Amino acid sequence: MLFRNYNDFEIISLIKQGNEEALELMIDKYRFLIAKKIGKFNLADEYDDAFQEGVIVLYRSVMRFEATYNKTFTRFFENNLENSYISLIRKRKSYGRFISEKLPTLYEPSTDFGHDLYITESALAKAVGELSEFEKTVFRLRFLEAKTPNETAVLVGCKPKKVYNAIDRIRHKLKMHLEL
């Protein structure tokens, strides 16, 4: 089956009737749209999971789509996919906040030493170990050797914007792992 021989309404009708080949056809047709949205939402580091989520959203969109919506199926699916990825990102951020804010109170002894915590070298080494190789290089150049972002970009061989983005990711990851 080639999707060029069928329009979306025909394929959707076949899928609702239980035709698995039509579902595979629909997945092949929208594979590139899903990949484009994964790139848009910076989910490339977990591409397989994000793609699987996209396929699930595609199936749900097919099952819920009605021609009376005055929308093409492509726009209907695209809106559902974007909303799904936005929810996924929000859940991840709120879960990260929960872990960094609530977990220490659940596992630490009842004595509270306040916010004057010292970061041990082993804790810092463990947190830096969670960074990617590029982030480790930027961390070393920017924070340990006190290079400017522009100097770091020249030494690493990339654009300054990439270094600024890496610095933001590094700060976020260190805060999460060091519970600052």
N, C-alpha and C. Protein backbone atom coordinates (compact mmCIF):
# COMPACT_ATOMS: atom_id res chain seq x y z
N MET A 1 0.84 -1.19 0.00
CA MET A 1 0.00 0.00 0.00
C MET A 1 0.88 1.24 0.00
N LEU A 2 0.63 2.14 -0.88
CA LEU A 2 1.32 3.42 -0.91
C LEU A 2 0.37 4.50 -0.43
N PHE A 3 0.84 5.34 0.48
CA PHE A 3 -0.06 6.35 1.02
C PHE A 3 -0.42 7.40 -0.02
N ARG A 4 0.36 7.50 -1.09
CA ARG A 4 0.04 8.46 -2.15
C ARG A 4 -1.24 8.06 -2.90
N ASN A 5 -1.61 6.79 -2.82
CA ASN A 5 -2.81 6.32 -3.50
C ASN A 5 -4.08 6.55 -2.68
N TYR A 6 -3.94 6.95 -1.43
CA TYR A 6 -5.08 7.14 -0.54
C TYR A 6 -4.99 8.51 0.12
N ASN A 7 -6.17 9.10 0.38
CA ASN A 7 -6.14 10.33 1.18
C ASN A 7 -6.30 9.95 2.65
N ASP A 8 -6.11 10.93 3.53
CA ASP A 8 -6.14 10.65 4.97
C ASP A 8 -7.48 10.09 5.43
N PHE A 9 -8.56 10.57 4.85
CA PHE A 9 -9.88 10.11 5.28
C PHE A 9 -10.06 8.62 4.98
N GLU A 10 -9.56 8.17 3.83
CA GLU A 10 -9.66 6.75 3.49
C GLU A 10 -8.79 5.90 4.41
N ILE A 11 -7.59 6.38 4.68
CA ILE A 11 -6.69 5.63 5.55
C ILE A 11 -7.26 5.56 6.97
N ILE A 12 -7.81 6.68 7.45
CA ILE A 12 -8.40 6.71 8.79
C ILE A 12 -9.56 5.72 8.88
N SER A 13 -10.37 5.69 7.84
CA SER A 13 -11.50 4.76 7.80
C SER A 13 -11.01 3.31 7.86
N LEU A 14 -9.95 3.01 7.13
CA LEU A 14 -9.40 1.65 7.16
C LEU A 14 -8.83 1.30 8.54
N ILE A 15 -8.18 2.26 9.18
CA ILE A 15 -7.61 2.01 10.51
C ILE A 15 -8.73 1.76 11.52
N LYS A 16 -9.78 2.54 11.44
CA LYS A 16 -10.90 2.36 12.38
C LYS A 16 -11.60 1.02 12.17
N GLN A 17 -11.45 0.45 10.98
CA GLN A 17 -12.00 -0.87 10.70
C GLN A 17 -11.07 -1.99 11.16
N GLY A 18 -9.87 -1.61 11.62
CA GLY A 18 -8.94 -2.60 12.16
C GLY A 18 -7.83 -3.02 11.20
N ASN A 19 -7.63 -2.32 10.13
CA ASN A 19 -6.60 -2.67 9.16
C ASN A 19 -5.24 -2.22 9.68
N GLU A 20 -4.38 -3.19 10.03
CA GLU A 20 -3.06 -2.87 10.59
C GLU A 20 -2.12 -2.33 9.52
N GLU A 21 -2.29 -2.77 8.28
CA GLU A 21 -1.45 -2.26 7.20
C GLU A 21 -1.70 -0.77 6.98
N ALA A 22 -2.93 -0.35 7.16
CA ALA A 22 -3.27 1.07 7.02
C ALA A 22 -2.62 1.87 8.15
N LEU A 23 -2.55 1.29 9.34
CA LEU A 23 -1.89 1.97 10.46
C LEU A 23 -0.40 2.12 10.17
N GLU A 24 0.23 1.08 9.67
CA GLU A 24 1.65 1.17 9.29
C GLU A 24 1.84 2.23 8.21
N LEU A 25 0.91 2.29 7.30
CA LEU A 25 0.96 3.29 6.23
C LEU A 25 0.89 4.70 6.81
N MET A 26 0.02 4.91 7.79
CA MET A 26 -0.13 6.21 8.42
C MET A 26 1.13 6.57 9.21
N ILE A 27 1.73 5.60 9.89
CA ILE A 27 2.97 5.85 10.63
C ILE A 27 4.07 6.25 9.66
N ASP A 28 4.18 5.54 8.52
CA ASP A 28 5.19 5.90 7.52
C ASP A 28 4.96 7.29 6.98
N LYS A 29 3.71 7.65 6.78
CA LYS A 29 3.39 8.96 6.22
C LYS A 29 3.77 10.09 7.17
N TYR A 30 3.56 9.90 8.47
CA TYR A 30 3.78 10.98 9.44
C TYR A 30 5.09 10.84 10.21
N ARG A 31 5.94 9.92 9.81
CA ARG A 31 7.23 9.69 10.46
C ARG A 31 8.08 10.97 10.48
N PHE A 32 8.11 11.68 9.36
CA PHE A 32 8.95 12.87 9.28
C PHE A 32 8.38 14.04 10.08
N LEU A 33 7.06 14.14 10.17
CA LEU A 33 6.46 15.19 10.99
C LEU A 33 6.78 14.95 12.46
N ILE A 34 6.73 13.70 12.89
CA ILE A 34 7.07 13.37 14.27
C ILE A 34 8.53 13.72 14.54
N ALA A 35 9.41 13.35 13.61
CA ALA A 35 10.84 13.65 13.79
C ALA A 35 11.09 15.15 13.82
N LYS A 36 10.36 15.91 13.01
CA LYS A 36 10.50 17.36 12.99
C LYS A 36 10.10 17.95 14.34
N LYS A 37 9.02 17.46 14.91
CA LYS A 37 8.56 17.98 16.21
C LYS A 37 9.51 17.56 17.34
N ILE A 38 10.12 16.40 17.23
CA ILE A 38 11.12 15.98 18.22
C ILE A 38 12.27 16.96 18.22
N GLY A 39 12.70 17.36 17.03
CA GLY A 39 13.77 18.36 16.92
C GLY A 39 13.34 19.71 17.45
N LYS A 40 12.10 20.10 17.16
CA LYS A 40 11.60 21.40 17.61
C LYS A 40 11.58 21.50 19.12
N PHE A 41 11.23 20.41 19.79
CA PHE A 41 11.12 20.43 21.24
C PHE A 41 12.38 19.93 21.95
N ASN A 42 13.48 19.80 21.20
CA ASN A 42 14.78 19.39 21.76
C ASN A 42 14.70 18.08 22.52
N LEU A 43 14.05 17.10 21.93
CA LEU A 43 13.93 15.79 22.55
C LEU A 43 14.80 14.75 21.85
N ALA A 44 15.78 15.21 21.10
CA ALA A 44 16.61 14.31 20.30
C ALA A 44 17.44 13.36 21.17
N ASP A 45 17.77 13.76 22.39
CA ASP A 45 18.56 12.89 23.25
C ASP A 45 17.78 11.66 23.69
N GLU A 46 16.49 11.71 23.60
CA GLU A 46 15.64 10.55 23.91
C GLU A 46 14.70 10.30 22.72
N TYR A 47 15.29 10.21 21.55
CA TYR A 47 14.54 10.15 20.30
C TYR A 47 13.57 8.96 20.27
N ASP A 48 14.04 7.79 20.66
CA ASP A 48 13.18 6.60 20.57
C ASP A 48 11.93 6.73 21.42
N ASP A 49 12.08 7.21 22.65
CA ASP A 49 10.91 7.38 23.52
C ASP A 49 9.96 8.44 22.96
N ALA A 50 10.53 9.55 22.48
CA ALA A 50 9.71 10.63 21.93
C ALA A 50 9.00 10.17 20.66
N PHE A 51 9.68 9.38 19.84
CA PHE A 51 9.05 8.87 18.62
C PHE A 51 7.91 7.92 18.97
N GLN A 52 8.15 7.04 19.95
CA GLN A 52 7.09 6.12 20.38
C GLN A 52 5.88 6.90 20.91
N GLU A 53 6.14 7.95 21.67
CA GLU A 53 5.04 8.81 22.15
C GLU A 53 4.30 9.43 20.97
N GLY A 54 5.04 9.83 19.94
CA GLY A 54 4.43 10.40 18.73
C GLY A 54 3.53 9.40 18.03
N VAL A 55 3.96 8.15 17.96
CA VAL A 55 3.14 7.10 17.32
C VAL A 55 1.87 6.86 18.12
N ILE A 56 1.98 6.88 19.44
CA ILE A 56 0.80 6.69 20.29
C ILE A 56 -0.18 7.85 20.07
N VAL A 57 0.34 9.07 20.01
CA VAL A 57 -0.52 10.24 19.76
C VAL A 57 -1.16 10.14 18.38
N LEU A 58 -0.40 9.65 17.40
CA LEU A 58 -0.95 9.46 16.06
C LEU A 58 -2.13 8.49 16.09
N TYR A 59 -1.97 7.38 16.76
CA TYR A 59 -3.05 6.40 16.85
C TYR A 59 -4.28 6.98 17.55
N ARG A 60 -4.04 7.67 18.66
CA ARG A 60 -5.17 8.29 19.38
C ARG A 60 -5.85 9.35 18.52
N SER A 61 -5.06 10.10 17.77
CA SER A 61 -5.63 11.13 16.90
C SER A 61 -6.48 10.51 15.81
N VAL A 62 -6.01 9.40 15.26
CA VAL A 62 -6.79 8.70 14.23
C VAL A 62 -8.12 8.25 14.80
N MET A 63 -8.09 7.68 15.99
CA MET A 63 -9.32 7.15 16.59
C MET A 63 -10.30 8.25 16.99
N ARG A 64 -9.80 9.44 17.30
CA ARG A 64 -10.67 10.53 17.74
C ARG A 64 -11.07 11.48 16.62
N PHE A 65 -10.42 11.38 15.48
CA PHE A 65 -10.65 12.34 14.41
C PHE A 65 -12.03 12.14 13.79
N GLU A 66 -12.69 13.27 13.57
CA GLU A 66 -13.97 13.30 12.86
C GLU A 66 -13.86 14.34 11.76
N ALA A 67 -14.42 14.07 10.62
CA ALA A 67 -14.34 14.99 9.49
C ALA A 67 -15.10 16.28 9.76
N THR A 68 -15.97 16.28 10.75
CA THR A 68 -16.78 17.46 11.06
C THR A 68 -16.00 18.53 11.82
N TYR A 69 -14.71 18.28 12.13
CA TYR A 69 -13.91 19.23 12.89
C TYR A 69 -13.49 20.45 12.08
N ASN A 70 -13.72 20.45 10.78
CA ASN A 70 -13.29 21.53 9.90
C ASN A 70 -11.79 21.77 9.99
N LYS A 71 -11.04 20.70 10.14
CA LYS A 71 -9.59 20.71 10.16
C LYS A 71 -9.10 19.55 9.34
N THR A 72 -7.93 19.72 8.76
CA THR A 72 -7.33 18.56 8.11
C THR A 72 -6.78 17.66 9.21
N PHE A 73 -6.62 16.39 8.87
CA PHE A 73 -6.08 15.47 9.86
C PHE A 73 -4.66 15.86 10.25
N THR A 74 -3.89 16.35 9.28
CA THR A 74 -2.51 16.72 9.57
C THR A 74 -2.45 17.78 10.66
N ARG A 75 -3.26 18.83 10.56
CA ARG A 75 -3.27 19.89 11.58
C ARG A 75 -3.77 19.37 12.91
N PHE A 76 -4.81 18.51 12.87
CA PHE A 76 -5.35 17.93 14.09
C PHE A 76 -4.28 17.12 14.81
N PHE A 77 -3.58 16.26 14.06
CA PHE A 77 -2.52 15.45 14.65
C PHE A 77 -1.36 16.31 15.13
N GLU A 78 -0.98 17.32 14.34
CA GLU A 78 0.13 18.19 14.71
C GLU A 78 -0.16 18.91 16.04
N ASN A 79 -1.37 19.42 16.20
CA ASN A 79 -1.75 20.08 17.45
C ASN A 79 -1.70 19.10 18.63
N ASN A 80 -2.23 17.90 18.43
CA ASN A 80 -2.21 16.89 19.49
C ASN A 80 -0.77 16.52 19.86
N LEU A 81 0.10 16.37 18.85
CA LEU A 81 1.48 16.00 19.09
C LEU A 81 2.22 17.09 19.85
N GLU A 82 2.05 18.34 19.43
CA GLU A 82 2.71 19.44 20.13
C GLU A 82 2.24 19.53 21.58
N ASN A 83 0.93 19.39 21.80
CA ASN A 83 0.41 19.43 23.17
C ASN A 83 0.97 18.29 24.01
N SER A 84 1.12 17.14 23.40
CA SER A 84 1.66 15.99 24.11
C SER A 84 3.11 16.23 24.51
N TYR A 85 3.92 16.76 23.60
CA TYR A 85 5.33 17.02 23.91
C TYR A 85 5.46 18.14 24.94
N ILE A 86 4.60 19.14 24.87
CA ILE A 86 4.62 20.21 25.88
C ILE A 86 4.30 19.64 27.25
N SER A 87 3.30 18.78 27.33
CA SER A 87 2.95 18.14 28.61
C SER A 87 4.09 17.28 29.12
N LEU A 88 4.73 16.56 28.21
CA LEU A 88 5.86 15.71 28.60
C LEU A 88 6.99 16.54 29.21
N ILE A 89 7.30 17.66 28.59
CA ILE A 89 8.36 18.54 29.08
C ILE A 89 7.97 19.14 30.43
N ARG A 90 6.72 19.57 30.56
CA ARG A 90 6.26 20.15 31.83
C ARG A 90 6.31 19.12 32.96
N LYS A 91 5.89 17.90 32.67
CA LYS A 91 5.93 16.86 33.69
C LYS A 91 7.36 16.59 34.13
N ARG A 92 8.27 16.55 33.16
CA ARG A 92 9.67 16.30 33.49
C ARG A 92 10.23 17.42 34.36
N LYS A 93 9.90 18.67 34.02
CA LYS A 93 10.40 19.79 34.81
C LYS A 93 9.81 19.78 36.21
N SER A 94 8.51 19.52 36.33
CA SER A 94 7.89 19.51 37.66
C SER A 94 8.39 18.33 38.48
N TYR A 95 8.66 17.20 37.84
CA TYR A 95 9.21 16.05 38.55
C TYR A 95 10.62 16.37 39.04
N GLY A 96 11.41 17.04 38.21
CA GLY A 96 12.76 17.43 38.62
C GLY A 96 12.72 18.38 39.79
N ARG A 97 11.77 19.33 39.77
CA ARG A 97 11.61 20.25 40.89
C ARG A 97 11.19 19.49 42.14
N PHE A 98 10.29 18.52 41.97
CA PHE A 98 9.84 17.73 43.11
C PHE A 98 11.02 16.98 43.72
N ILE A 99 11.81 16.34 42.88
CA ILE A 99 12.95 15.58 43.38
C ILE A 99 13.93 16.50 44.10
N SER A 100 14.24 17.64 43.49
CA SER A 100 15.25 18.51 44.09
C SER A 100 14.73 19.23 45.33
N GLU A 101 13.42 19.44 45.44
CA GLU A 101 12.88 20.16 46.59
C GLU A 101 12.36 19.24 47.70
N LYS A 102 11.69 18.19 47.33
CA LYS A 102 11.00 17.36 48.32
C LYS A 102 11.80 16.17 48.79
N LEU A 103 12.57 15.56 47.91
CA LEU A 103 13.26 14.33 48.27
C LEU A 103 14.22 14.49 49.44
N PRO A 104 15.00 15.57 49.54
CA PRO A 104 15.89 15.69 50.70
C PRO A 104 15.12 15.69 52.03
N THR A 105 13.95 16.29 52.06
CA THR A 105 13.19 16.32 53.30
C THR A 105 12.62 14.95 53.64
N LEU A 106 12.44 14.10 52.64
CA LEU A 106 11.92 12.77 52.91
C LEU A 106 12.99 11.83 53.44
N TYR A 107 14.22 12.00 53.01
CA TYR A 107 15.27 11.06 53.37
C TYR A 107 16.29 11.56 54.38
N GLU A 108 16.38 12.86 54.60
CA GLU A 108 17.36 13.38 55.53
C GLU A 108 16.88 13.21 56.96
N PRO A 109 17.80 13.14 57.91
CA PRO A 109 17.38 13.08 59.31
C PRO A 109 16.64 14.35 59.70
N SER A 110 15.98 14.33 60.82
CA SER A 110 15.13 15.43 61.22
C SER A 110 15.89 16.70 61.57
N THR A 111 17.18 16.59 61.83
CA THR A 111 17.94 17.80 62.15
C THR A 111 18.15 18.61 60.88
N ASP A 112 17.93 19.90 60.98
CA ASP A 112 18.06 20.78 59.83
C ASP A 112 19.25 21.70 60.05
N PHE A 113 20.17 21.67 59.13
CA PHE A 113 21.35 22.51 59.23
C PHE A 113 21.19 23.82 58.49
N GLY A 114 20.03 24.09 57.97
CA GLY A 114 19.78 25.34 57.25
C GLY A 114 20.36 25.29 55.85
N HIS A 115 20.56 26.46 55.29
CA HIS A 115 21.05 26.55 53.92
C HIS A 115 22.55 26.74 53.82
N ASP A 116 23.25 26.65 54.93
CA ASP A 116 24.70 26.80 54.91
C ASP A 116 25.36 25.45 54.65
N LEU A 117 24.97 24.80 53.58
CA LEU A 117 25.51 23.50 53.25
C LEU A 117 26.81 23.66 52.47
N TYR A 118 27.74 22.78 52.75
CA TYR A 118 28.98 22.75 52.00
C TYR A 118 28.90 21.61 51.00
N ILE A 119 29.41 21.86 49.83
CA ILE A 119 29.41 20.83 48.79
C ILE A 119 30.74 20.11 48.87
N THR A 120 30.67 18.82 49.06
CA THR A 120 31.91 18.05 49.13
C THR A 120 32.45 17.84 47.73
N GLU A 121 33.73 17.56 47.66
CA GLU A 121 34.38 17.35 46.37
C GLU A 121 33.82 16.11 45.68
N SER A 122 33.51 15.09 46.46
CA SER A 122 32.96 13.86 45.86
C SER A 122 31.56 14.11 45.30
N ALA A 123 30.75 14.93 46.00
CA ALA A 123 29.41 15.25 45.48
C ALA A 123 29.51 16.05 44.19
N LEU A 124 30.45 16.99 44.15
CA LEU A 124 30.65 17.77 42.93
C LEU A 124 31.14 16.89 41.79
N ALA A 125 32.07 15.99 42.09
CA ALA A 125 32.58 15.08 41.06
C ALA A 125 31.47 14.19 40.53
N LYS A 126 30.61 13.73 41.41
CA LYS A 126 29.48 12.88 40.99
C LYS A 126 28.52 13.68 40.10
N ALA A 127 28.24 14.92 40.48
CA ALA A 127 27.33 15.77 39.70
C ALA A 127 27.95 16.09 38.34
N VAL A 128 29.24 16.38 38.30
CA VAL A 128 29.91 16.67 37.03
C VAL A 128 29.94 15.41 36.17
N GLY A 129 29.99 14.25 36.80
CA GLY A 129 29.97 12.98 36.06
C GLY A 129 28.68 12.77 35.29
N GLU A 130 27.61 13.45 35.68
CA GLU A 130 26.32 13.34 35.00
C GLU A 130 26.25 14.17 33.72
N LEU A 131 27.23 15.04 33.52
CA LEU A 131 27.23 15.91 32.34
C LEU A 131 27.71 15.15 31.11
N SER A 132 27.31 15.63 29.94
CA SER A 132 27.81 15.05 28.70
C SER A 132 29.26 15.46 28.51
N GLU A 133 29.94 14.84 27.55
CA GLU A 133 31.35 15.16 27.32
C GLU A 133 31.53 16.63 26.92
N PHE A 134 30.64 17.14 26.08
CA PHE A 134 30.72 18.53 25.67
C PHE A 134 30.52 19.45 26.87
N GLU A 135 29.53 19.11 27.72
CA GLU A 135 29.26 19.93 28.90
C GLU A 135 30.43 19.88 29.89
N LYS A 136 31.08 18.72 30.00
CA LYS A 136 32.25 18.62 30.88
C LYS A 136 33.37 19.53 30.39
N THR A 137 33.57 19.57 29.06
CA THR A 137 34.61 20.43 28.49
C THR A 137 34.28 21.89 28.75
N VAL A 138 33.03 22.27 28.53
CA VAL A 138 32.61 23.66 28.77
C VAL A 138 32.74 23.99 30.26
N PHE A 139 32.35 23.06 31.12
CA PHE A 139 32.46 23.27 32.57
C PHE A 139 33.92 23.54 32.96
N ARG A 140 34.82 22.71 32.45
CA ARG A 140 36.23 22.86 32.78
C ARG A 140 36.76 24.22 32.31
N LEU A 141 36.45 24.57 31.05
CA LEU A 141 36.96 25.82 30.50
C LEU A 141 36.32 27.04 31.15
N ARG A 142 35.02 27.01 31.31
CA ARG A 142 34.30 28.19 31.78
C ARG A 142 34.44 28.39 33.29
N PHE A 143 34.24 27.33 34.05
CA PHE A 143 34.18 27.48 35.50
C PHE A 143 35.50 27.21 36.21
N LEU A 144 36.28 26.29 35.70
CA LEU A 144 37.54 25.98 36.37
C LEU A 144 38.70 26.84 35.86
N GLU A 145 38.72 27.06 34.55
CA GLU A 145 39.79 27.88 33.97
C GLU A 145 39.36 29.33 33.75
N ALA A 146 38.13 29.69 34.09
CA ALA A 146 37.58 31.05 34.04
C ALA A 146 37.69 31.69 32.65
N LYS A 147 37.43 30.91 31.62
CA LYS A 147 37.41 31.46 30.26
C LYS A 147 36.03 32.08 30.02
N THR A 148 35.99 33.09 29.15
CA THR A 148 34.71 33.68 28.78
C THR A 148 33.99 32.72 27.84
N PRO A 149 32.67 32.88 27.69
CA PRO A 149 31.96 32.01 26.75
C PRO A 149 32.51 32.11 25.32
N ASN A 150 32.90 33.30 24.90
CA ASN A 150 33.46 33.45 23.55
C ASN A 150 34.80 32.73 23.43
N GLU A 151 35.65 32.84 24.44
CA GLU A 151 36.92 32.12 24.41
C GLU A 151 36.68 30.62 24.43
N THR A 152 35.73 30.19 25.22
CA THR A 152 35.39 28.77 25.29
C THR A 152 34.92 28.27 23.93
N ALA A 153 34.09 29.07 23.27
CA ALA A 153 33.58 28.68 21.95
C ALA A 153 34.72 28.52 20.95
N VAL A 154 35.68 29.41 21.00
CA VAL A 154 36.83 29.32 20.09
C VAL A 154 37.64 28.07 20.39
N LEU A 155 37.89 27.80 21.67
CA LEU A 155 38.69 26.63 22.05
C LEU A 155 37.99 25.32 21.71
N VAL A 156 36.69 25.29 21.87
CA VAL A 156 35.93 24.07 21.58
C VAL A 156 35.66 23.94 20.09
N GLY A 157 35.60 25.08 19.39
CA GLY A 157 35.34 25.05 17.95
C GLY A 157 33.86 25.03 17.61
N CYS A 158 33.10 25.86 18.31
CA CYS A 158 31.66 25.94 18.03
C CYS A 158 31.22 27.39 18.16
N LYS A 159 29.95 27.62 17.97
CA LYS A 159 29.39 28.97 18.09
C LYS A 159 29.18 29.31 19.56
N PRO A 160 29.27 30.60 19.92
CA PRO A 160 29.05 31.02 21.31
C PRO A 160 27.67 30.64 21.84
N LYS A 161 26.67 30.65 20.98
CA LYS A 161 25.30 30.29 21.41
C LYS A 161 25.26 28.87 21.97
N LYS A 162 26.00 27.97 21.35
CA LYS A 162 26.04 26.59 21.83
C LYS A 162 26.68 26.53 23.22
N VAL A 163 27.69 27.36 23.44
CA VAL A 163 28.35 27.40 24.75
C VAL A 163 27.39 27.97 25.80
N TYR A 164 26.67 29.05 25.46
CA TYR A 164 25.70 29.62 26.40
C TYR A 164 24.62 28.59 26.76
N ASN A 165 24.13 27.86 25.77
CA ASN A 165 23.13 26.82 26.04
C ASN A 165 23.70 25.74 26.95
N ALA A 166 24.95 25.35 26.70
CA ALA A 166 25.59 24.34 27.54
C ALA A 166 25.75 24.84 28.97
N ILE A 167 26.11 26.11 29.14
CA ILE A 167 26.26 26.68 30.49
C ILE A 167 24.92 26.63 31.23
N ASP A 168 23.83 26.95 30.54
CA ASP A 168 22.50 26.87 31.18
C ASP A 168 22.18 25.44 31.59
N ARG A 169 22.47 24.48 30.70
CA ARG A 169 22.21 23.08 31.03
C ARG A 169 23.07 22.63 32.20
N ILE A 170 24.33 23.05 32.22
CA ILE A 170 25.24 22.68 33.31
C ILE A 170 24.70 23.21 34.64
N ARG A 171 24.32 24.47 34.67
CA ARG A 171 23.79 25.05 35.92
C ARG A 171 22.55 24.30 36.38
N HIS A 172 21.68 24.00 35.44
CA HIS A 172 20.45 23.29 35.79
C HIS A 172 20.76 21.90 36.34
N LYS A 173 21.64 21.17 35.67
CA LYS A 173 21.98 19.82 36.13
C LYS A 173 22.69 19.84 37.48
N LEU A 174 23.60 20.78 37.66
CA LEU A 174 24.30 20.84 38.95
C LEU A 174 23.34 21.19 40.07
N LYS A 175 22.41 22.11 39.82
CA LYS A 175 21.42 22.44 40.85
C LYS A 175 20.60 21.22 41.21
N MET A 176 20.22 20.46 40.17
CA MET A 176 19.40 19.28 40.41
C MET A 176 20.16 18.22 41.20
N HIS A 177 21.41 17.96 40.81
CA HIS A 177 22.18 16.91 41.45
C HIS A 177 22.75 17.30 42.80
N LEU A 178 23.00 18.59 43.01
CA LEU A 178 23.56 19.05 44.28
C LEU A 178 22.49 19.56 45.22
N GLU A 179 21.24 19.59 44.73
CA GLU A 179 20.09 20.03 45.52
C GLU A 179 20.31 21.41 46.12
N LEU A 180 20.68 22.35 45.26
CA LEU A 180 20.90 23.74 45.71
C LEU A 180 19.61 24.51 45.70
